Structure formats: structure tokens, C-alpha cells
């Protein structure tokens, strides 16, 4: 699993929260378009501009704990 932190939610205030961690889902076609697929505040996964996020790296154990509730 990849984690991203939202660094800018301009234009997406209802679906993204700045400074929040998001789970990145694989979407090769979206990535070709400069987008990333994340599970946003609606609980659904959507494409958002990659420029709104920065990758964040945490240990595997912490990552599992962070998203244990989401599974």
C-alpha cells in the first residue's frame, strides 16, 4: 500500500482534507494523466491531481495499524 499526504486541497475541499493521509490505489492509466486514485472523504475512490499530494513512507507495521479500520 502506498500512502500520500494531501498538501493542497484547493478546489477539492469537500472531498480532500489538507494534511491528511490517504491510501493510494493502483491506477496506471490515471498516473499517465498525472492523477492518483485515493479513497477520499466520501469513502469512495476517485482520481485527483497528483500535484495535491506528496508520498509519505512509514514502516509496514504502522501502515497496517493506520488503515486497520478501513479494511
N, C-alpha and C. Protein backbone atom coordinates (compact mmCIF):
# COMPACT_ATOMS: atom_id res chain seq x y z
N UNK A 1 0.85 -1.17 0.00
CA UNK A 1 0.00 0.00 0.00
C UNK A 1 0.89 1.23 0.00
N UNK A 2 0.45 2.24 -0.71
CA UNK A 2 1.18 3.50 -0.73
C UNK A 2 0.38 4.54 0.03
N UNK A 3 1.09 5.37 0.76
CA UNK A 3 0.44 6.45 1.48
C UNK A 3 0.82 7.79 0.88
N UNK A 4 -0.16 8.68 0.82
CA UNK A 4 0.05 10.04 0.34
C UNK A 4 -0.47 10.99 1.39
N UNK A 5 0.16 12.16 1.48
CA UNK A 5 -0.37 13.20 2.34
C UNK A 5 -0.86 14.32 1.43
N UNK A 6 -2.06 14.80 1.71
CA UNK A 6 -2.63 15.90 0.93
C UNK A 6 -1.95 17.20 1.35
N UNK A 7 -1.30 17.86 0.41
CA UNK A 7 -0.60 19.11 0.72
C UNK A 7 -1.38 20.32 0.22
N UNK A 8 -2.44 20.09 -0.57
CA UNK A 8 -3.24 21.19 -1.11
C UNK A 8 -4.59 20.62 -1.53
N UNK A 9 -5.67 21.11 -0.92
CA UNK A 9 -6.99 20.61 -1.28
C UNK A 9 -7.81 21.66 -2.04
N UNK A 10 -7.15 22.68 -2.56
CA UNK A 10 -7.83 23.75 -3.29
C UNK A 10 -8.67 23.17 -4.42
N UNK A 11 -9.93 23.51 -4.42
CA UNK A 11 -10.86 23.02 -5.43
C UNK A 11 -11.48 21.68 -5.08
N UNK A 12 -10.98 21.05 -4.03
CA UNK A 12 -11.49 19.74 -3.62
C UNK A 12 -11.77 19.72 -2.12
N UNK A 13 -12.16 20.86 -1.57
CA UNK A 13 -12.34 20.99 -0.13
C UNK A 13 -13.36 20.00 0.44
N UNK A 14 -14.38 19.64 -0.34
CA UNK A 14 -15.41 18.72 0.15
C UNK A 14 -14.94 17.27 0.15
N UNK A 15 -13.95 16.96 -0.69
CA UNK A 15 -13.55 15.56 -0.80
C UNK A 15 -12.15 15.25 -0.27
N UNK A 16 -11.34 16.28 -0.04
CA UNK A 16 -9.98 16.08 0.48
C UNK A 16 -9.73 17.00 1.66
N UNK A 17 -8.98 16.51 2.62
CA UNK A 17 -8.62 17.28 3.80
C UNK A 17 -7.10 17.51 3.78
N UNK A 18 -6.69 18.77 3.81
CA UNK A 18 -5.26 19.10 3.80
C UNK A 18 -4.59 18.49 5.03
N UNK A 19 -3.36 18.01 4.86
CA UNK A 19 -2.53 17.41 5.90
C UNK A 19 -3.05 16.06 6.39
N UNK A 20 -3.93 15.43 5.63
CA UNK A 20 -4.44 14.11 6.00
C UNK A 20 -3.77 13.05 5.13
N UNK A 21 -3.58 11.86 5.71
CA UNK A 21 -3.03 10.73 4.96
C UNK A 21 -4.13 10.05 4.16
N UNK A 22 -3.77 9.66 2.94
CA UNK A 22 -4.71 8.95 2.07
C UNK A 22 -4.04 7.70 1.52
N UNK A 23 -4.85 6.69 1.32
CA UNK A 23 -4.39 5.45 0.72
C UNK A 23 -4.41 5.60 -0.79
N UNK A 24 -3.27 5.35 -1.41
CA UNK A 24 -3.16 5.41 -2.87
C UNK A 24 -3.48 4.04 -3.44
N UNK A 25 -4.35 4.01 -4.43
CA UNK A 25 -4.71 2.78 -5.11
C UNK A 25 -4.05 2.77 -6.48
N UNK A 26 -3.70 1.58 -6.95
CA UNK A 26 -3.07 1.46 -8.27
C UNK A 26 -4.04 1.87 -9.37
N UNK A 27 -3.57 2.73 -10.26
CA UNK A 27 -4.34 3.13 -11.44
C UNK A 27 -3.35 3.61 -12.49
N UNK A 28 -2.75 2.68 -13.23
CA UNK A 28 -1.73 3.07 -14.21
C UNK A 28 -2.23 4.09 -15.24
N UNK A 29 -3.47 3.95 -15.70
CA UNK A 29 -3.98 4.91 -16.69
C UNK A 29 -4.10 6.31 -16.08
N UNK A 30 -4.60 6.38 -14.86
CA UNK A 30 -4.70 7.67 -14.18
C UNK A 30 -3.34 8.32 -13.99
N UNK A 31 -2.34 7.50 -13.64
CA UNK A 31 -0.99 8.02 -13.43
C UNK A 31 -0.41 8.59 -14.71
N UNK A 32 -0.75 7.99 -15.86
CA UNK A 32 -0.31 8.52 -17.14
C UNK A 32 -0.87 9.92 -17.38
N UNK A 33 -2.01 10.22 -16.78
CA UNK A 33 -2.67 11.50 -16.93
C UNK A 33 -2.30 12.49 -15.82
N UNK A 34 -1.35 12.11 -14.96
CA UNK A 34 -0.93 12.99 -13.86
C UNK A 34 -1.90 12.99 -12.69
N UNK A 35 -2.63 11.89 -12.54
CA UNK A 35 -3.62 11.77 -11.48
C UNK A 35 -3.25 10.62 -10.55
N UNK A 36 -3.80 10.63 -9.36
CA UNK A 36 -3.67 9.50 -8.44
C UNK A 36 -5.07 9.12 -7.96
N UNK A 37 -5.27 7.85 -7.72
CA UNK A 37 -6.55 7.36 -7.20
C UNK A 37 -6.41 7.17 -5.70
N UNK A 38 -7.28 7.86 -4.95
CA UNK A 38 -7.26 7.76 -3.50
C UNK A 38 -8.68 7.53 -2.98
N UNK A 39 -8.76 6.94 -1.81
CA UNK A 39 -10.04 6.83 -1.11
C UNK A 39 -10.21 8.16 -0.38
N UNK A 40 -11.18 8.96 -0.82
CA UNK A 40 -11.32 10.31 -0.26
C UNK A 40 -12.36 10.36 0.86
N UNK A 41 -12.77 11.57 1.23
CA UNK A 41 -13.67 11.76 2.38
C UNK A 41 -15.04 11.12 2.18
N UNK A 42 -15.43 10.85 0.94
CA UNK A 42 -16.72 10.21 0.68
C UNK A 42 -16.67 8.72 0.99
N UNK A 43 -15.45 8.18 1.17
CA UNK A 43 -15.28 6.75 1.39
C UNK A 43 -15.15 5.98 0.09
N UNK A 44 -15.24 6.68 -1.02
CA UNK A 44 -15.09 6.07 -2.34
C UNK A 44 -13.73 6.44 -2.90
N UNK A 45 -13.30 5.71 -3.93
CA UNK A 45 -12.03 6.05 -4.55
C UNK A 45 -12.26 6.86 -5.82
N UNK A 46 -11.49 7.93 -5.96
CA UNK A 46 -11.59 8.84 -7.09
C UNK A 46 -10.20 9.27 -7.52
N UNK A 47 -10.12 9.71 -8.77
CA UNK A 47 -8.88 10.29 -9.28
C UNK A 47 -8.81 11.75 -8.86
N UNK A 48 -7.63 12.15 -8.42
CA UNK A 48 -7.36 13.54 -8.08
C UNK A 48 -6.00 13.91 -8.67
N UNK A 49 -5.76 15.19 -8.93
CA UNK A 49 -4.45 15.59 -9.46
C UNK A 49 -3.32 15.18 -8.51
N UNK A 50 -2.29 14.57 -9.05
CA UNK A 50 -1.15 14.12 -8.25
C UNK A 50 -0.46 15.28 -7.55
N UNK A 51 -0.56 16.48 -8.12
CA UNK A 51 0.10 17.65 -7.54
C UNK A 51 -0.45 18.03 -6.17
N UNK A 52 -1.59 17.49 -5.80
CA UNK A 52 -2.20 17.79 -4.50
C UNK A 52 -1.61 16.95 -3.37
N UNK A 53 -0.76 15.99 -3.72
CA UNK A 53 -0.25 15.02 -2.76
C UNK A 53 1.27 14.90 -2.81
N UNK A 54 1.81 14.42 -1.70
CA UNK A 54 3.21 14.03 -1.63
C UNK A 54 3.25 12.64 -1.00
N UNK A 55 4.13 11.77 -1.49
CA UNK A 55 4.23 10.43 -0.88
C UNK A 55 4.81 10.52 0.52
N UNK A 56 4.39 9.62 1.36
CA UNK A 56 4.92 9.55 2.71
C UNK A 56 5.26 8.09 2.99
N UNK A 57 6.38 7.85 3.60
CA UNK A 57 6.84 6.49 3.85
C UNK A 57 6.85 6.22 5.35
N UNK A 58 6.17 5.17 5.73
CA UNK A 58 6.15 4.72 7.13
C UNK A 58 6.44 3.22 7.12
N UNK A 59 6.79 2.71 8.26
CA UNK A 59 7.04 1.28 8.37
C UNK A 59 5.77 0.47 8.08
N UNK A 60 5.97 -0.75 7.64
CA UNK A 60 4.85 -1.62 7.27
C UNK A 60 3.89 -1.84 8.44
N UNK A 61 4.44 -2.02 9.63
CA UNK A 61 3.60 -2.25 10.81
C UNK A 61 2.70 -1.05 11.10
N UNK A 62 3.27 0.15 11.05
CA UNK A 62 2.48 1.36 11.29
C UNK A 62 1.44 1.54 10.19
N UNK A 63 1.81 1.29 8.97
CA UNK A 63 0.87 1.42 7.87
C UNK A 63 -0.34 0.50 8.07
N UNK A 64 -0.10 -0.72 8.47
CA UNK A 64 -1.21 -1.66 8.74
C UNK A 64 -2.10 -1.13 9.85
N UNK A 65 -1.50 -0.57 10.88
CA UNK A 65 -2.29 -0.05 12.01
C UNK A 65 -3.10 1.17 11.61
N UNK A 66 -2.51 2.03 10.78
CA UNK A 66 -3.21 3.23 10.36
C UNK A 66 -4.49 2.91 9.59
N UNK A 67 -4.44 1.86 8.79
CA UNK A 67 -5.57 1.54 7.93
C UNK A 67 -6.30 0.27 8.35
N UNK A 68 -6.09 -0.20 9.58
CA UNK A 68 -6.78 -1.39 10.07
C UNK A 68 -8.28 -1.17 10.08
N UNK A 69 -8.72 0.01 10.42
CA UNK A 69 -10.16 0.32 10.47
C UNK A 69 -10.77 0.33 9.08
N UNK A 70 -9.98 0.65 8.07
CA UNK A 70 -10.51 0.79 6.70
C UNK A 70 -10.75 -0.57 6.05
N UNK A 71 -10.10 -1.60 6.55
CA UNK A 71 -10.22 -2.92 5.90
C UNK A 71 -11.51 -3.62 6.24
